[in-house]
N, C-alpha and C. Protein backbone atom coordinates (compact mmCIF):
# COMPACT_ATOMS: atom_id res chain seq x y z
N MET A 1 175.80 13.10 72.16
CA MET A 1 176.45 13.63 73.34
C MET A 1 176.52 15.15 73.28
N PHE A 2 176.83 15.68 72.08
CA PHE A 2 176.92 17.13 71.93
C PHE A 2 175.56 17.79 72.18
N LEU A 3 174.50 17.17 71.70
CA LEU A 3 173.16 17.73 71.91
C LEU A 3 172.84 17.81 73.39
N LYS A 4 173.23 16.80 74.15
CA LYS A 4 172.99 16.81 75.59
C LYS A 4 173.77 17.94 76.25
N LYS A 5 175.03 18.13 75.83
CA LYS A 5 175.84 19.22 76.39
C LYS A 5 175.21 20.57 76.07
N MET A 6 174.66 20.70 74.86
CA MET A 6 173.99 21.94 74.50
C MET A 6 172.76 22.16 75.39
N LEU A 7 171.97 21.13 75.58
CA LEU A 7 170.79 21.25 76.44
C LEU A 7 171.18 21.63 77.86
N GLU A 8 172.23 21.03 78.38
CA GLU A 8 172.70 21.37 79.73
C GLU A 8 173.14 22.83 79.80
N TYR A 9 173.84 23.28 78.78
CA TYR A 9 174.30 24.67 78.75
C TYR A 9 173.10 25.63 78.70
N ILE A 10 172.13 25.31 77.85
CA ILE A 10 170.93 26.15 77.76
C ILE A 10 170.21 26.17 79.11
N SER A 11 170.14 25.02 79.75
CA SER A 11 169.49 24.92 81.06
C SER A 11 170.20 25.81 82.07
N ASP A 12 171.52 25.78 82.07
CA ASP A 12 172.30 26.60 83.01
C ASP A 12 172.15 28.10 82.74
N LYS A 13 172.13 28.48 81.47
CA LYS A 13 172.08 29.89 81.09
C LYS A 13 170.65 30.46 81.09
N GLY A 14 169.68 29.62 80.81
CA GLY A 14 168.29 30.09 80.71
C GLY A 14 167.87 30.35 79.28
N TYR A 15 168.71 31.03 78.52
CA TYR A 15 168.46 31.30 77.10
C TYR A 15 169.79 31.55 76.43
N VAL A 16 169.88 31.21 75.16
CA VAL A 16 171.15 31.36 74.43
C VAL A 16 170.89 31.78 72.99
N LYS A 17 171.96 32.24 72.34
CA LYS A 17 171.96 32.54 70.92
C LYS A 17 172.90 31.57 70.23
N VAL A 18 172.77 31.43 68.93
CA VAL A 18 173.62 30.54 68.15
C VAL A 18 175.09 30.92 68.34
N ASP A 19 175.40 32.21 68.25
CA ASP A 19 176.79 32.66 68.39
C ASP A 19 177.40 32.22 69.72
N GLU A 20 176.62 32.31 70.77
CA GLU A 20 177.10 31.95 72.10
C GLU A 20 177.49 30.47 72.19
N ILE A 21 176.63 29.61 71.65
CA ILE A 21 176.92 28.17 71.65
C ILE A 21 178.14 27.88 70.79
N SER A 22 178.22 28.52 69.64
CA SER A 22 179.34 28.34 68.73
C SER A 22 180.66 28.68 69.42
N GLN A 23 180.69 29.80 70.12
CA GLN A 23 181.91 30.21 70.82
C GLN A 23 182.20 29.30 72.01
N GLN A 24 181.19 28.96 72.77
CA GLN A 24 181.36 28.15 73.97
C GLN A 24 181.97 26.78 73.66
N PHE A 25 181.50 26.16 72.57
CA PHE A 25 181.94 24.81 72.24
C PHE A 25 182.96 24.74 71.11
N GLY A 26 183.30 25.90 70.54
CA GLY A 26 184.31 25.95 69.49
C GLY A 26 183.91 25.23 68.21
N VAL A 27 182.64 25.37 67.84
CA VAL A 27 182.14 24.74 66.62
C VAL A 27 181.54 25.81 65.70
N PRO A 28 181.47 25.54 64.40
CA PRO A 28 180.91 26.53 63.47
C PRO A 28 179.43 26.81 63.75
N LYS A 29 179.02 28.03 63.44
CA LYS A 29 177.62 28.42 63.62
C LYS A 29 176.69 27.50 62.84
N SER A 30 177.11 27.08 61.65
CA SER A 30 176.26 26.21 60.83
C SER A 30 176.01 24.88 61.54
N PHE A 31 176.99 24.39 62.27
CA PHE A 31 176.83 23.15 63.04
C PHE A 31 175.81 23.36 64.16
N VAL A 32 175.92 24.49 64.86
CA VAL A 32 174.98 24.80 65.94
C VAL A 32 173.57 24.96 65.38
N GLU A 33 173.44 25.66 64.25
CA GLU A 33 172.11 25.85 63.65
C GLU A 33 171.49 24.50 63.28
N HIS A 34 172.29 23.59 62.75
CA HIS A 34 171.79 22.26 62.41
C HIS A 34 171.36 21.52 63.68
N ALA A 35 172.18 21.60 64.72
CA ALA A 35 171.84 20.95 65.99
C ALA A 35 170.57 21.55 66.58
N PHE A 36 170.42 22.87 66.51
CA PHE A 36 169.21 23.51 67.02
C PHE A 36 167.98 23.06 66.24
N GLN A 37 168.12 22.87 64.93
CA GLN A 37 166.99 22.40 64.13
C GLN A 37 166.53 21.03 64.62
N GLU A 38 167.48 20.18 64.95
CA GLU A 38 167.14 18.85 65.46
C GLU A 38 166.45 18.96 66.82
N LEU A 39 166.97 19.81 67.70
CA LEU A 39 166.36 19.99 69.02
C LEU A 39 164.98 20.64 68.91
N LEU A 40 164.82 21.54 67.97
CA LEU A 40 163.50 22.15 67.72
C LEU A 40 162.51 21.10 67.22
N ARG A 41 162.98 20.27 66.29
CA ARG A 41 162.13 19.22 65.72
C ARG A 41 161.64 18.27 66.80
N LYS A 42 162.51 17.96 67.75
CA LYS A 42 162.16 17.05 68.84
C LYS A 42 161.43 17.77 69.99
N GLU A 43 161.28 19.08 69.84
CA GLU A 43 160.58 19.93 70.81
C GLU A 43 161.27 19.98 72.17
N TYR A 44 162.61 19.89 72.18
CA TYR A 44 163.38 20.03 73.41
C TYR A 44 163.73 21.48 73.69
N ILE A 45 163.72 22.31 72.64
CA ILE A 45 163.95 23.74 72.78
C ILE A 45 162.90 24.47 71.96
N LYS A 46 162.77 25.76 72.23
CA LYS A 46 161.94 26.60 71.37
C LYS A 46 162.69 27.88 71.10
N MET A 47 162.39 28.47 69.97
CA MET A 47 163.02 29.71 69.57
C MET A 47 162.05 30.85 69.81
N PHE A 48 162.58 31.97 70.23
CA PHE A 48 161.75 33.16 70.25
C PHE A 48 162.58 34.35 69.84
N ASN A 49 161.89 35.32 69.32
CA ASN A 49 162.48 36.55 68.84
C ASN A 49 162.14 37.63 69.86
N SER A 50 163.09 38.45 70.22
CA SER A 50 162.85 39.47 71.24
C SER A 50 161.68 40.38 70.88
N GLU A 51 161.45 40.61 69.62
CA GLU A 51 160.32 41.44 69.20
C GLU A 51 158.99 40.76 69.46
N ASP A 52 158.97 39.43 69.41
CA ASP A 52 157.74 38.67 69.62
C ASP A 52 157.38 38.53 71.09
N GLU A 53 158.31 38.83 71.97
CA GLU A 53 158.12 38.55 73.39
C GLU A 53 157.95 39.79 74.25
N LYS A 54 157.54 40.91 73.69
CA LYS A 54 157.43 42.15 74.45
C LYS A 54 156.47 42.02 75.63
N ILE A 55 155.38 41.31 75.47
CA ILE A 55 154.42 41.16 76.57
C ILE A 55 155.06 40.36 77.70
N THR A 56 155.74 39.29 77.38
CA THR A 56 156.42 38.48 78.38
C THR A 56 157.47 39.31 79.10
N CYS A 57 158.25 40.08 78.36
CA CYS A 57 159.29 40.90 78.98
C CYS A 57 158.69 41.94 79.92
N ALA A 58 157.57 42.51 79.55
CA ALA A 58 156.95 43.54 80.38
C ALA A 58 156.57 43.02 81.76
N SER A 59 156.21 41.76 81.85
CA SER A 59 155.79 41.21 83.13
C SER A 59 156.91 40.47 83.87
N CYS A 60 158.09 40.43 83.29
CA CYS A 60 159.20 39.68 83.88
C CYS A 60 159.87 40.49 85.00
N PRO A 61 160.15 39.86 86.14
CA PRO A 61 160.81 40.58 87.23
C PRO A 61 162.26 40.96 86.92
N LEU A 62 162.85 40.35 85.91
CA LEU A 62 164.24 40.66 85.54
C LEU A 62 164.35 41.64 84.39
N LYS A 63 163.25 42.25 84.00
CA LYS A 63 163.25 43.09 82.79
C LYS A 63 164.25 44.24 82.85
N ASN A 64 164.58 44.71 84.04
CA ASN A 64 165.51 45.83 84.14
C ASN A 64 166.98 45.42 83.99
N VAL A 65 167.28 44.15 84.18
CA VAL A 65 168.67 43.70 84.07
C VAL A 65 168.91 42.76 82.89
N CYS A 66 167.86 42.33 82.24
CA CYS A 66 167.96 41.39 81.12
C CYS A 66 168.16 42.15 79.81
N TYR A 67 168.97 41.60 78.93
CA TYR A 67 169.21 42.27 77.65
C TYR A 67 168.32 41.79 76.52
N ILE A 68 167.51 40.76 76.72
CA ILE A 68 166.67 40.25 75.63
C ILE A 68 165.70 41.32 75.13
N GLY A 69 165.02 41.99 76.02
CA GLY A 69 164.05 43.00 75.62
C GLY A 69 164.67 44.20 74.93
N LYS A 70 165.95 44.39 75.13
CA LYS A 70 166.65 45.54 74.54
C LYS A 70 167.22 45.23 73.16
N SER A 71 167.31 43.97 72.82
CA SER A 71 167.88 43.59 71.53
C SER A 71 166.76 43.46 70.50
N LYS A 72 167.03 43.92 69.33
CA LYS A 72 166.01 43.96 68.27
C LYS A 72 166.15 42.78 67.32
N GLY A 73 165.15 41.93 67.28
CA GLY A 73 165.07 40.88 66.28
C GLY A 73 166.07 39.74 66.41
N ILE A 74 166.69 39.60 67.56
CA ILE A 74 167.65 38.52 67.75
C ILE A 74 166.92 37.26 68.19
N LYS A 75 167.32 36.12 67.65
CA LYS A 75 166.69 34.85 68.00
C LYS A 75 167.38 34.24 69.21
N TYR A 76 166.57 33.83 70.16
CA TYR A 76 167.06 33.17 71.37
C TYR A 76 166.42 31.79 71.45
N TYR A 77 167.09 30.91 72.16
CA TYR A 77 166.60 29.55 72.33
C TYR A 77 166.53 29.23 73.81
N VAL A 78 165.43 28.59 74.20
CA VAL A 78 165.22 28.20 75.59
C VAL A 78 164.74 26.76 75.62
N LEU A 79 164.92 26.12 76.77
CA LEU A 79 164.42 24.75 76.93
C LEU A 79 162.91 24.75 77.05
N THR A 80 162.30 23.74 76.50
CA THR A 80 160.87 23.51 76.71
C THR A 80 160.72 22.60 77.93
N GLU A 81 159.49 22.40 78.35
CA GLU A 81 159.25 21.46 79.45
C GLU A 81 159.74 20.06 79.07
N LYS A 82 159.55 19.70 77.81
CA LYS A 82 160.01 18.39 77.33
C LYS A 82 161.53 18.28 77.44
N GLY A 83 162.24 19.35 77.12
CA GLY A 83 163.69 19.38 77.23
C GLY A 83 164.15 19.28 78.68
N LYS A 84 163.45 19.99 79.57
CA LYS A 84 163.78 19.93 81.00
C LYS A 84 163.55 18.52 81.54
N GLU A 85 162.46 17.89 81.12
CA GLU A 85 162.16 16.52 81.56
C GLU A 85 163.23 15.55 81.07
N LEU A 86 163.68 15.72 79.84
CA LEU A 86 164.73 14.86 79.30
C LEU A 86 166.00 14.96 80.14
N LEU A 87 166.43 16.18 80.44
CA LEU A 87 167.63 16.36 81.26
C LEU A 87 167.44 15.77 82.65
N SER A 88 166.27 15.94 83.20
CA SER A 88 165.99 15.40 84.53
C SER A 88 166.10 13.87 84.52
N ARG A 89 165.52 13.24 83.51
CA ARG A 89 165.59 11.78 83.38
C ARG A 89 167.04 11.33 83.20
N GLU A 90 167.78 12.03 82.35
CA GLU A 90 169.18 11.69 82.10
C GLU A 90 169.99 11.79 83.38
N ASN A 91 169.78 12.84 84.15
CA ASN A 91 170.52 13.03 85.40
C ASN A 91 170.18 11.94 86.42
N LYS A 92 168.93 11.52 86.47
CA LYS A 92 168.54 10.46 87.38
C LYS A 92 169.20 9.14 86.98
N LEU A 93 169.31 8.88 85.69
CA LEU A 93 169.96 7.65 85.22
C LEU A 93 171.44 7.65 85.60
N VAL A 94 172.10 8.79 85.46
CA VAL A 94 173.52 8.89 85.78
C VAL A 94 173.73 8.71 87.28
N VAL A 95 172.91 9.36 88.09
CA VAL A 95 173.03 9.24 89.54
C VAL A 95 172.77 7.80 89.97
N GLY A 96 171.72 7.17 89.41
CA GLY A 96 171.39 5.79 89.76
C GLY A 96 172.48 4.83 89.37
N ALA A 97 173.15 5.08 88.27
CA ALA A 97 174.20 4.18 87.79
C ALA A 97 175.46 4.28 88.65
N SER A 98 175.67 5.44 89.28
CA SER A 98 176.89 5.62 90.07
C SER A 98 176.74 5.17 91.51
N GLU A 99 175.53 4.81 91.94
CA GLU A 99 175.31 4.37 93.32
C GLU A 99 175.64 2.91 93.53
């Protein structure tokens, strides 16, 4: 259940850091890191480093207001297509069950 809440939060925010999830849900960073490892293993999220994404940032329409390109070496996590599909399927099941 916690992993699903994390995926939903990442989906809403677009990208997150470990510290942000830890503060949002009131859990230790080590717990979040372990949960992220599981989500990475299942390919529901991917990690990127702001230094590795300079080309992507250069072509992004939000580059002037986004802080990712300005931060040095910080790890961010985003949903993969597989993660988005999982949330979509889960939401359809919940909606179907309530009808």
